[in-house]
């Protein structure tokens, strides 16, 4: 279903672009061709940037299960060097 919306929106944008380009060429031909060529250069650059962002690695996330929470707590202890039996840790557990 998402692809249907993609093609519908992209097709509508393409039709509007063709109509706009046709009107621009009818009014002032050489100037319109330069503007349309510039628009294509920007669109190709945006496509390249979009593909780069889509292929970039994402940030790691902690699994939302109980094991993930325990693992995150262990990492937090290592980072902050919290003693497992400290008073602050007991208070933190009581809150959660």
Protein backbone atom coordinates (compact mmCIF):
# COMPACT_ATOMS: atom_id res chain seq x y z
CA UNK A 1 0.00 0.00 0.00
CA UNK A 2 2.90 2.37 0.70
CA UNK A 3 4.18 1.91 -2.86
CA UNK A 4 0.77 2.83 -4.22
CA UNK A 5 0.93 6.18 -2.39
CA UNK A 6 4.52 6.68 -3.55
CA UNK A 7 3.62 6.21 -7.21
CA UNK A 8 0.47 8.31 -6.87
CA UNK A 9 2.29 11.26 -5.32
CA UNK A 10 5.31 10.93 -7.61
CA UNK A 11 3.06 10.67 -10.69
CA UNK A 12 1.09 13.74 -9.65
CA UNK A 13 4.28 15.70 -9.06
CA UNK A 14 5.62 14.60 -12.46
CA UNK A 15 2.41 15.70 -14.22
CA UNK A 16 2.51 19.09 -12.50
CA UNK A 17 6.19 19.44 -13.40
CA UNK A 18 5.53 18.64 -17.06
CA UNK A 19 2.66 21.15 -17.16
CA UNK A 20 4.79 23.82 -15.52
CA UNK A 21 7.70 23.11 -17.88
CA UNK A 22 5.42 23.27 -20.93
CA UNK A 23 4.03 26.63 -19.79
CA UNK A 24 7.53 28.01 -19.12
CA UNK A 25 8.79 26.93 -22.54
CA UNK A 26 5.78 28.53 -24.25
CA UNK A 27 6.47 31.85 -22.47
CA UNK A 28 10.27 32.14 -22.72
CA UNK A 29 11.98 29.16 -24.37
CA UNK A 30 15.76 29.49 -23.77
CA UNK A 31 15.41 30.78 -20.22
CA UNK A 32 12.96 28.00 -19.34
CA UNK A 33 15.28 25.28 -20.67
CA UNK A 34 18.07 26.55 -18.42
CA UNK A 35 15.71 26.57 -15.41
CA UNK A 36 14.48 23.05 -16.14
CA UNK A 37 18.06 21.79 -16.55
CA UNK A 38 18.95 23.35 -13.18
CA UNK A 39 15.95 21.64 -11.60
CA UNK A 40 17.14 18.27 -12.95
CA UNK A 41 20.62 18.85 -11.51
CA UNK A 42 19.13 19.62 -8.09
CA UNK A 43 16.83 16.56 -8.31
CA UNK A 44 19.74 14.25 -9.18
CA UNK A 45 21.76 15.69 -6.28
CA UNK A 46 18.83 15.14 -3.90
CA UNK A 47 18.45 11.56 -5.12
CA UNK A 48 22.15 10.90 -4.52
CA UNK A 49 21.98 12.40 -1.03
CA UNK A 50 18.86 10.36 -0.25
CA UNK A 51 20.54 7.13 -1.33
CA UNK A 52 23.60 7.96 0.76
CA UNK A 53 21.50 8.63 3.87
CA UNK A 54 19.44 5.47 3.31
CA UNK A 55 22.58 3.32 3.10
CA UNK A 56 24.31 4.88 6.13
CA UNK A 57 24.46 2.73 9.26
CA UNK A 58 22.00 3.50 12.02
CA UNK A 59 22.73 3.99 15.70
CA UNK A 60 22.63 0.83 17.80
CA UNK A 61 19.55 0.39 19.94
CA UNK A 62 18.94 -1.63 23.08
CA UNK A 63 16.44 -4.44 22.72
CA UNK A 64 13.28 -3.60 24.67
CA UNK A 65 13.09 -6.93 26.47
CA UNK A 66 14.03 -7.45 30.10
CA UNK A 67 17.40 -8.82 29.00
CA UNK A 68 17.99 -5.65 27.05
CA UNK A 69 17.22 -3.57 30.13
CA UNK A 70 19.62 -5.64 32.22
CA UNK A 71 22.32 -5.27 29.59
CA UNK A 72 21.77 -1.52 29.46
CA UNK A 73 21.98 -1.33 33.27
CA UNK A 74 25.28 -3.23 33.21
CA UNK A 75 26.67 -0.83 30.63
CA UNK A 76 25.50 2.11 32.71
CA UNK A 77 27.23 0.69 35.77
CA UNK A 78 30.46 0.26 33.84
CA UNK A 79 30.26 3.78 32.47
CA UNK A 80 29.43 5.46 35.76
CA UNK A 81 31.35 2.95 37.87
CA UNK A 82 28.37 2.50 40.18
CA UNK A 83 28.75 -0.14 42.83
CA UNK A 84 25.82 -2.62 42.52
CA UNK A 85 25.03 -2.37 46.26
CA UNK A 86 25.27 1.39 46.57
CA UNK A 87 22.49 3.49 48.08
CA UNK A 88 21.96 5.44 44.83
CA UNK A 89 21.50 2.23 42.91
CA UNK A 90 18.90 0.93 45.39
CA UNK A 91 16.96 4.19 45.08
CA UNK A 92 17.15 3.97 41.28
CA UNK A 93 15.75 0.44 41.31
CA UNK A 94 12.94 1.45 43.67
CA UNK A 95 11.85 4.17 41.24
CA UNK A 96 11.78 1.84 38.22
